[in-house]
PDB file of N, CA and C in Angstrom:
ATOM      1  N   MET A   1      54.088-140.542 -44.053  1.00  0.00           N
ATOM      2  CA  MET A   1      55.249-140.788 -43.213  1.00  0.00           C
ATOM      3  C   MET A   1      56.384-139.883 -43.697  1.00  0.00           C
ATOM      4  N   ARG A   2      57.227-139.466 -42.776  1.00  0.00           N
ATOM      5  CA  ARG A   2      58.370-138.601 -43.079  1.00  0.00           C
ATOM      6  C   ARG A   2      59.663-139.420 -43.084  1.00  0.00           C
ATOM      7  N   LEU A   3      60.655-138.938 -43.813  1.00  0.00           N
ATOM      8  CA  LEU A   3      61.938-139.618 -43.877  1.00  0.00           C
ATOM      9  C   LEU A   3      62.577-139.742 -42.493  1.00  0.00           C
ATOM     10  N   THR A   4      62.360-138.780 -41.623  1.00  0.00           N
ATOM     11  CA  THR A   4      62.930-138.833 -40.270  1.00  0.00           C
ATOM     12  C   THR A   4      62.320-139.957 -39.434  1.00  0.00           C
ATOM     13  N   GLU A   5      61.157-140.472 -39.825  1.00  0.00           N
ATOM     14  CA  GLU A   5      60.477-141.542 -39.089  1.00  0.00           C
ATOM     15  C   GLU A   5      60.877-142.929 -39.582  1.00  0.00           C
ATOM     16  N   LEU A   6      61.596-143.011 -40.683  1.00  0.00           N
ATOM     17  CA  LEU A   6      61.961-144.296 -41.273  1.00  0.00           C
ATOM     18  C   LEU A   6      63.056-144.966 -40.455  1.00  0.00           C
ATOM     19  N   PRO A   7      62.829-146.211 -40.017  1.00  0.00           N
ATOM     20  CA  PRO A   7      63.890-146.923 -39.294  1.00  0.00           C
ATOM     21  C   PRO A   7      65.110-147.135 -40.199  1.00  0.00           C
ATOM     22  N   ARG A   8      66.269-147.200 -39.594  1.00  0.00           N
ATOM     23  CA  ARG A   8      67.488-147.418 -40.369  1.00  0.00           C
ATOM     24  C   ARG A   8      67.416-148.728 -41.130  1.00  0.00           C
ATOM     25  N   ARG A   9      68.041-148.722 -42.317  1.00  0.00           N
ATOM     26  CA  ARG A   9      68.141-149.911 -43.182  1.00  0.00           C
ATOM     27  C   ARG A   9      66.785-150.468 -43.604  1.00  0.00           C
ATOM     28  N   THR A  10      65.788-149.596 -43.726  1.00  0.00           N
ATOM     29  CA  THR A  10      64.465-149.977 -44.198  1.00  0.00           C
ATOM     30  C   THR A  10      64.190-149.218 -45.487  1.00  0.00           C
ATOM     31  N   SER A  11      63.804-149.920 -46.527  1.00  0.00           N
ATOM     32  CA  SER A  11      63.547-149.276 -47.818  1.00  0.00           C
ATOM     33  C   SER A  11      62.196-148.578 -47.824  1.00  0.00           C
ATOM     34  N   ALA A  12      62.142-147.494 -48.566  1.00  0.00           N
ATOM     35  CA  ALA A  12      60.902-146.743 -48.749  1.00  0.00           C
ATOM     36  C   ALA A  12      60.942-146.091 -50.122  1.00  0.00           C
ATOM     37  N   ILE A  13      59.813-145.539 -50.522  1.00  0.00           N
ATOM     38  CA  ILE A  13      59.680-144.848 -51.799  1.00  0.00           C
ATOM     39  C   ILE A  13      59.308-143.395 -51.517  1.00  0.00           C
ATOM     40  N   VAL A  14      59.981-142.476 -52.181  1.00  0.00           N
ATOM     41  CA  VAL A  14      59.682-141.049 -52.029  1.00  0.00           C
ATOM     42  C   VAL A  14      58.326-140.753 -52.654  1.00  0.00           C
ATOM     43  N   GLU A  15      57.478-140.049 -51.921  1.00  0.00           N
ATOM     44  CA  GLU A  15      56.200-139.578 -52.448  1.00  0.00           C
ATOM     45  C   GLU A  15      56.286-138.125 -52.894  1.00  0.00           C
ATOM     46  N   GLY A  16      57.158-137.344 -52.257  1.00  0.00           N
ATOM     47  CA  GLY A  16      57.310-135.950 -52.626  1.00  0.00           C
ATOM     48  C   GLY A  16      58.085-135.177 -51.578  1.00  0.00           C
ATOM     49  N   VAL A  17      58.342-133.910 -51.890  1.00  0.00           N
ATOM     50  CA  VAL A  17      59.057-133.017 -50.975  1.00  0.00           C
ATOM     51  C   VAL A  17      58.129-131.859 -50.653  1.00  0.00           C
ATOM     52  N   GLU A  18      57.986-131.576 -49.360  1.00  0.00           N
ATOM     53  CA  GLU A  18      57.107-130.502 -48.901  1.00  0.00           C
ATOM     54  C   GLU A  18      57.757-129.141 -49.093  1.00  0.00           C
ATOM     55  N   GLU A  19      57.025-128.230 -49.705  1.00  0.00           N
ATOM     56  CA  GLU A  19      57.484-126.840 -49.834  1.00  0.00           C
ATOM     57  C   GLU A  19      56.880-126.051 -48.691  1.00  0.00           C
ATOM     58  N   ARG A  20      57.699-125.275 -48.004  1.00  0.00           N
ATOM     59  CA  ARG A  20      57.207-124.511 -46.860  1.00  0.00           C
ATOM     60  C   ARG A  20      56.999-123.040 -47.174  1.00  0.00           C
ATOM     61  N   ALA A  21      57.400-122.630 -48.379  1.00  0.00           N
ATOM     62  CA  ALA A  21      57.216-121.249 -48.823  1.00  0.00           C
ATOM     63  C   ALA A  21      57.210-121.259 -50.349  1.00  0.00           C
ATOM     64  N   PRO A  22      56.664-120.225 -50.960  1.00  0.00           N
ATOM     65  CA  PRO A  22      56.738-120.158 -52.423  1.00  0.00           C
ATOM     66  C   PRO A  22      58.205-120.126 -52.874  1.00  0.00           C
ATOM     67  N   ASN A  23      58.488-120.898 -53.909  1.00  0.00           N
ATOM     68  CA  ASN A  23      59.844-120.951 -54.461  1.00  0.00           C
ATOM     69  C   ASN A  23      60.861-121.362 -53.388  1.00  0.00           C
ATOM     70  N   ASP A  24      60.545-122.411 -52.639  1.00  0.00           N
ATOM     71  CA  ASP A  24      61.358-122.913 -51.527  1.00  0.00           C
ATOM     72  C   ASP A  24      62.663-123.514 -52.047  1.00  0.00           C
ATOM     73  N   GLY A  25      63.766-122.867 -51.733  1.00  0.00           N
ATOM     74  CA  GLY A  25      65.080-123.288 -52.211  1.00  0.00           C
ATOM     75  C   GLY A  25      65.526-124.639 -51.692  1.00  0.00           C
ATOM     76  N   ILE A  26      65.201-124.942 -50.443  1.00  0.00           N
ATOM     77  CA  ILE A  26      65.605-126.236 -49.875  1.00  0.00           C
ATOM     78  C   ILE A  26      64.827-127.370 -50.535  1.00  0.00           C
ATOM     79  N   ALA A  27      63.531-127.195 -50.717  1.00  0.00           N
ATOM     80  CA  ALA A  27      62.719-128.221 -51.384  1.00  0.00           C
ATOM     81  C   ALA A  27      63.204-128.424 -52.817  1.00  0.00           C
ATOM     82  N   ARG A  28      63.512-127.353 -53.499  1.00  0.00           N
ATOM     83  CA  ARG A  28      64.014-127.453 -54.872  1.00  0.00           C
ATOM     84  C   ARG A  28      65.332-128.216 -54.908  1.00  0.00           C
ATOM     85  N   ARG A  29      66.226-127.927 -53.983  1.00  0.00           N
ATOM     86  CA  ARG A  29      67.533-128.597 -53.942  1.00  0.00           C
ATOM     87  C   ARG A  29      67.385-130.083 -53.623  1.00  0.00           C
ATOM     88  N   LEU A  30      66.483-130.437 -52.715  1.00  0.00           N
ATOM     89  CA  LEU A  30      66.244-131.844 -52.418  1.00  0.00           C
ATOM     90  C   LEU A  30      65.773-132.591 -53.664  1.00  0.00           C
ATOM     91  N   ARG A  31      64.882-131.972 -54.438  1.00  0.00           N
ATOM     92  CA  ARG A  31      64.433-132.603 -55.685  1.00  0.00           C
ATOM     93  C   ARG A  31      65.573-132.726 -56.689  1.00  0.00           C
ATOM     94  N   GLU A  32      66.434-131.714 -56.766  1.00  0.00           N
ATOM     95  CA  GLU A  32      67.595-131.769 -57.668  1.00  0.00           C
ATOM     96  C   GLU A  32      68.542-132.903 -57.279  1.00  0.00           C
ATOM     97  N   LEU A  33      68.638-133.206 -55.986  1.00  0.00           N
ATOM     98  CA  LEU A  33      69.507-134.270 -55.504  1.00  0.00           C
ATOM     99  C   LEU A  33      68.927-135.659 -55.756  1.00  0.00           C
ATOM    100  N   GLY A  34      67.651-135.737 -56.145  1.00  0.00           N
ATOM    101  CA  GLY A  34      67.050-137.025 -56.476  1.00  0.00           C
ATOM    102  C   GLY A  34      65.876-137.439 -55.615  1.00  0.00           C
ATOM    103  N   PHE A  35      65.461-136.593 -54.686  1.00  0.00           N
ATOM    104  CA  PHE A  35      64.310-136.913 -53.846  1.00  0.00           C
ATOM    105  C   PHE A  35      63.033-136.576 -54.615  1.00  0.00           C
ATOM    106  N   VAL A  36      62.716-137.428 -55.579  1.00  0.00           N
ATOM    107  CA  VAL A  36      61.549-137.238 -56.442  1.00  0.00           C
ATOM    108  C   VAL A  36      60.620-138.437 -56.297  1.00  0.00           C
ATOM    109  N   ALA A  37      59.352-138.232 -56.599  1.00  0.00           N
ATOM    110  CA  ALA A  37      58.350-139.288 -56.451  1.00  0.00           C
ATOM    111  C   ALA A  37      58.769-140.551 -57.188  1.00  0.00           C
ATOM    112  N   GLY A  38      58.663-141.673 -56.481  1.00  0.00           N
ATOM    113  CA  GLY A  38      58.968-142.974 -57.063  1.00  0.00           C
ATOM    114  C   GLY A  38      60.386-143.457 -56.837  1.00  0.00           C
ATOM    115  N   GLU A  39      61.261-142.615 -56.325  1.00  0.00           N
ATOM    116  CA  GLU A  39      62.665-142.992 -56.114  1.00  0.00           C
ATOM    117  C   GLU A  39      62.824-143.755 -54.792  1.00  0.00           C
ATOM    118  N   ALA A  40      63.662-144.784 -54.804  1.00  0.00           N
ATOM    119  CA  ALA A  40      63.934-145.565 -53.600  1.00  0.00           C
ATOM    120  C   ALA A  40      64.810-144.758 -52.648  1.00  0.00           C
ATOM    121  N   VAL A  41      64.541-144.879 -51.350  1.00  0.00           N
ATOM    122  CA  VAL A  41      65.297-144.156 -50.334  1.00  0.00           C
ATOM    123  C   VAL A  41      65.476-145.042 -49.110  1.00  0.00           C
ATOM    124  N   GLU A  42      66.579-144.830 -48.403  1.00  0.00           N
ATOM    125  CA  GLU A  42      66.878-145.611 -47.201  1.00  0.00           C
ATOM    126  C   GLU A  42      67.756-144.777 -46.281  1.00  0.00           C
ATOM    127  N   VAL A  43      67.464-144.793 -44.980  1.00  0.00           N
ATOM    128  CA  VAL A  43      68.323-144.143 -43.993  1.00  0.00           C
ATOM    129  C   VAL A  43      69.401-145.156 -43.621  1.00  0.00           C
ATOM    130  N   MET A  44      70.654-144.805 -43.891  1.00  0.00           N
ATOM    131  CA  MET A  44      71.758-145.731 -43.662  1.00  0.00           C
ATOM    132  C   MET A  44      72.313-145.632 -42.230  1.00  0.00           C
ATOM    133  N   ALA A  45      72.403-144.408 -41.712  1.00  0.00           N
ATOM    134  CA  ALA A  45      72.974-144.182 -40.379  1.00  0.00           C
ATOM    135  C   ALA A  45      72.537-142.816 -39.872  1.00  0.00           C
ATOM    136  N   ALA A  46      72.790-142.587 -38.590  1.00  0.00           N
ATOM    137  CA  ALA A  46      72.488-141.294 -37.978  1.00  0.00           C
ATOM    138  C   ALA A  46      73.666-140.877 -37.121  1.00  0.00           C
ATOM    139  N   GLY A  47      73.886-139.580 -37.039  1.00  0.00           N
ATOM    140  CA  GLY A  47      74.980-139.045 -36.243  1.00  0.00           C
ATOM    141  C   GLY A  47      74.801-139.324 -34.758  1.00  0.00           C
ATOM    142  N   PRO A  48      75.864-139.162 -33.982  1.00  0.00           N
ATOM    143  CA  PRO A  48      75.830-139.516 -32.563  1.00  0.00           C
ATOM    144  C   PRO A  48      75.101-138.527 -31.662  1.00  0.00           C
ATOM    145  N   PHE A  49      74.993-137.277 -32.058  1.00  0.00           N
ATOM    146  CA  PHE A  49      74.390-136.255 -31.198  1.00  0.00           C
ATOM    147  C   PHE A  49      73.026-135.858 -31.720  1.00  0.00           C
ATOM    148  N   GLY A  50      71.981-136.337 -31.073  1.00  0.00           N
ATOM    149  CA  GLY A  50      70.629-136.019 -31.509  1.00  0.00           C
ATOM    150  C   GLY A  50      70.272-136.664 -32.825  1.00  0.00           C
ATOM    151  N   ALA A  51      70.983-137.728 -33.185  1.00  0.00           N
ATOM    152  CA  ALA A  51      70.755-138.446 -34.447  1.00  0.00           C
ATOM    153  C   ALA A  51      70.827-137.492 -35.640  1.00  0.00           C
ATOM    154  N   GLU A  52      71.787-136.585 -35.596  1.00  0.00           N
ATOM    155  CA  GLU A  52      71.967-135.632 -36.689  1.00  0.00           C
ATOM    156  C   GLU A  52      73.436-135.563 -37.065  1.00  0.00           C
ATOM    157  N   PRO A  53      73.766-135.559 -38.332  1.00  0.00           N
ATOM    158  CA  PRO A  53      72.885-135.643 -39.493  1.00  0.00           C
ATOM    159  C   PRO A  53      72.480-137.085 -39.774  1.00  0.00           C
ATOM    160  N   LEU A  54      71.557-137.244 -40.733  1.00  0.00           N
ATOM    161  CA  LEU A  54      71.162-138.563 -41.196  1.00  0.00           C
ATOM    162  C   LEU A  54      71.928-138.861 -42.478  1.00  0.00           C
ATOM    163  N   LEU A  55      72.466-140.061 -42.596  1.00  0.00           N
ATOM    164  CA  LEU A  55      73.079-140.508 -43.839  1.00  0.00           C
ATOM    165  C   LEU A  55      71.992-141.229 -44.608  1.00  0.00           C
ATOM    166  N   VAL A  56      71.607-140.660 -45.744  1.00  0.00           N
ATOM    167  CA  VAL A  56      70.471-141.148 -46.524  1.00  0.00           C
ATOM    168  C   VAL A  56      70.943-141.559 -47.905  1.00  0.00           C
ATOM    169  N   GLN A  57      70.454-142.702 -48.364  1.00  0.00           N
ATOM    170  CA  GLN A  57      70.749-143.137 -49.726  1.00  0.00           C
ATOM    171  C   GLN A  57      69.491-142.992 -50.557  1.00  0.00           C
ATOM    172  N   VAL A  58      69.608-142.257 -51.659  1.00  0.00           N
ATOM    173  CA  VAL A  58      68.514-142.123 -52.612  1.00  0.00           C
ATOM    174  C   VAL A  58      69.072-142.611 -53.944  1.00  0.00           C
ATOM    175  N   GLY A  59      68.435-143.630 -54.492  1.00  0.00           N
ATOM    176  CA  GLY A  59      69.009-144.270 -55.676  1.00  0.00           C
ATOM    177  C   GLY A  59      70.325-144.914 -55.286  1.00  0.00           C
ATOM    178  N   TYR A  60      71.411-144.544 -55.982  1.00  0.00           N
ATOM    179  CA  TYR A  60      72.739-145.091 -55.675  1.00  0.00           C
ATOM    180  C   TYR A  60      73.655-144.063 -55.019  1.00  0.00           C
ATOM    181  N   THR A  61      73.099-142.935 -54.598  1.00  0.00           N
ATOM    182  CA  THR A  61      73.897-141.847 -54.042  1.00  0.00           C
ATOM    183  C   THR A  61      73.546-141.626 -52.577  1.00  0.00           C
ATOM    184  N   ARG A  62      74.568-141.313 -51.775  1.00  0.00           N
ATOM    185  CA  ARG A  62      74.351-141.054 -50.354  1.00  0.00           C
ATOM    186  C   ARG A  62      74.578-139.582 -50.032  1.00  0.00           C
ATOM    187  N   PHE A  63      73.737-139.071 -49.130  1.00  0.00           N
ATOM    188  CA  PHE A  63      73.809-137.672 -48.711  1.00  0.00           C
ATOM    189  C   PHE A  63      73.679-137.598 -47.201  1.00  0.00           C
ATOM    190  N   ALA A  64      74.308-136.610 -46.607  1.00  0.00           N
ATOM    191  CA  ALA A  64      74.089-136.288 -45.199  1.00  0.00           C
ATOM    192  C   ALA A  64      73.066-135.152 -45.161  1.00  0.00           C
ATOM    193  N   LEU A  65      71.957-135.384 -44.479  1.00  0.00           N
ATOM    194  CA  LEU A  65      70.896-134.387 -44.377  1.00  0.00           C
ATOM    195  C   LEU A  65      70.651-134.030 -42.926  1.00  0.00           C
ATOM    196  N   ARG A  66      70.377-132.763 -42.691  1.00  0.00           N
ATOM    197  CA  ARG A  66      69.915-132.345 -41.376  1.00  0.00           C
ATOM    198  C   ARG A  66      68.512-132.914 -41.185  1.00  0.00           C
ATOM    199  N   ARG A  67      68.130-133.116 -39.941  1.00  0.00           N
ATOM    200  CA  ARG A  67      66.788-133.648 -39.665  1.00  0.00           C
ATOM    201  C   ARG A  67      65.709-132.703 -40.191  1.00  0.00           C
ATOM    202  N   ALA A  68      65.937-131.407 -40.116  1.00  0.00           N
ATOM    203  CA  ALA A  68      64.954-130.435 -40.618  1.00  0.00           C
ATOM    204  C   ALA A  68      64.746-130.585 -42.125  1.00  0.00           C
ATOM    205  N   GLU A  69      65.798-130.938 -42.849  1.00  0.00           N
ATOM    206  CA  GLU A  69      65.673-131.165 -44.300  1.00  0.00           C
ATOM    207  C   GLU A  69      64.975-132.495 -44.567  1.00  0.00           C
ATOM    208  N   ALA A  70      65.378-133.538 -43.847  1.00  0.00           N
ATOM    209  CA  ALA A  70      64.782-134.863 -44.036  1.00  0.00           C
ATOM    210  C   ALA A  70      63.300-134.866 -43.674  1.00  0.00           C
ATOM    211  N   GLU A  71      62.904-134.018 -42.749  1.00  0.00           N
ATOM    212  CA  GLU A  71      61.503-133.912 -42.333  1.00  0.00           C
ATOM    213  C   GLU A  71      60.597-133.496 -43.496  1.00  0.00           C
ATOM    214  N   ARG A  72      61.130-132.838 -44.480  1.00  0.00           N
ATOM    215  CA  ARG A  72      60.339-132.371 -45.630  1.00  0.00           C
ATOM    216  C   ARG A  72      60.029-133.466 -46.642  1.00  0.00           C
ATOM    217  N   VAL A  73      60.751-134.586 -46.568  1.00  0.00           N
ATOM    218  CA  VAL A  73      60.582-135.655 -47.560  1.00  0.00           C
ATOM    219  C   VAL A  73      59.496-136.619 -47.092  1.00  0.00           C
ATOM    220  N   ARG A  74      58.400-136.705 -47.870  1.00  0.00           N
ATOM    221  CA  ARG A  74      57.313-137.645 -47.592  1.00  0.00           C
ATOM    222  C   ARG A  74      57.631-138.972 -48.267  1.00  0.00           C
ATOM    223  N   ILE A  75      57.419-140.068 -47.542  1.00  0.00           N
ATOM    224  CA  ILE A  75      57.735-141.389 -48.070  1.00  0.00           C
ATOM    225  C   ILE A  75      56.620-142.364 -47.773  1.00  0.00           C
ATOM    226  N   ARG A  76      56.680-143.516 -48.422  1.00  0.00           N
ATOM    227  CA  ARG A  76      55.822-144.643 -48.068  1.00  0.00           C
ATOM    228  C   ARG A  76      56.727-145.871 -47.972  1.00  0.00           C
ATOM    229  N   PRO A  77      56.564-146.672 -46.915  1.00  0.00           N
ATOM    230  CA  PRO A  77      57.396-147.874 -46.763  1.00  0.00           C
ATOM    231  C   PRO A  77      57.148-148.845 -47.906  1.00  0.00           C
ATOM    232  N   VAL A  78      58.166-149.627 -48.224  1.00  0.00           N
ATOM    233  CA  VAL A  78      58.050-150.642 -49.250  1.00  0.00           C
ATOM    234  C   VAL A  78      57.535-151.909 -48.592  1.00  0.00           C
ATOM    235  N   ALA A  79      56.521-152.523 -49.173  1.00  0.00           N
ATOM    236  CA  ALA A  79      56.006-153.790 -48.644  1.00  0.00           C
ATOM    237  C   ALA A  79      57.089-154.855 -48.764  1.00  0.00           C
ATOM    238  N   THR A  80      57.106-155.818 -47.863  1.00  0.00           N
ATOM    239  CA  THR A  80      58.123-156.860 -47.832  1.00  0.00           C
ATOM    240  C   THR A  80      58.201-157.622 -49.153  1.00  0.00           C
ATOM    241  N   ALA A  81      57.073-157.989 -49.729  1.00  0.00           N
ATOM    242  CA  ALA A  81      57.071-158.710 -51.013  1.00  0.00           C
ATOM    243  C   ALA A  81      57.596-157.823 -52.128  1.00  0.00           C
ATOM    244  N   GLU A  82      57.292-156.539 -52.080  1.00  0.00           N
ATOM    245  CA  GLU A  82      57.758-155.595 -53.085  1.00  0.00           C
ATOM    246  C   GLU A  82      59.268-155.409 -52.980  1.00  0.00           C
ATOM    247  N   ALA A  83      59.818-155.417 -51.767  1.00  0.00           N
ATOM    248  CA  ALA A  83      61.256-155.238 -51.568  1.00  0.00           C
ATOM    249  C   ALA A  83      62.039-156.450 -52.051  1.00  0.00           C
ATOM    250  N   ALA A  84      61.455-157.649 -51.935  1.00  0.00           N
ATOM    251  CA  ALA A  84      62.148-158.869 -52.353  1.00  0.00           C
ATOM    252  C   ALA A  84      62.206-158.998 -53.872  1.00  0.00           C
ATOM    253  N   ALA A  85      61.311-158.373 -54.579  1.00  0.00           N
ATOM    254  CA  ALA A  85      61.255-158.485 -56.051  1.00  0.00           C
ATOM    255  C   ALA A  85      62.363-157.752 -56.739  1.00  0.00           C
TER     256      ALA A  85
END
């Protein structure tokens, strides 16, 4: 599943960031911002025009991402019992 497919206010876990070229600067920057395997992520809001940008929370920090950037982040939804713990 991709970050762009995650419904708003639904928790998920980052599985990784897709590199589209060798030494991909955007993928590297996303990892530097905290989009690393095992980190909690949630889409908080979306912009009014074409749902862009997305306001995304990773850990305790929020970022505005273009949909093209968010599309690179692979995630897995958090099970309901796992989210309550």
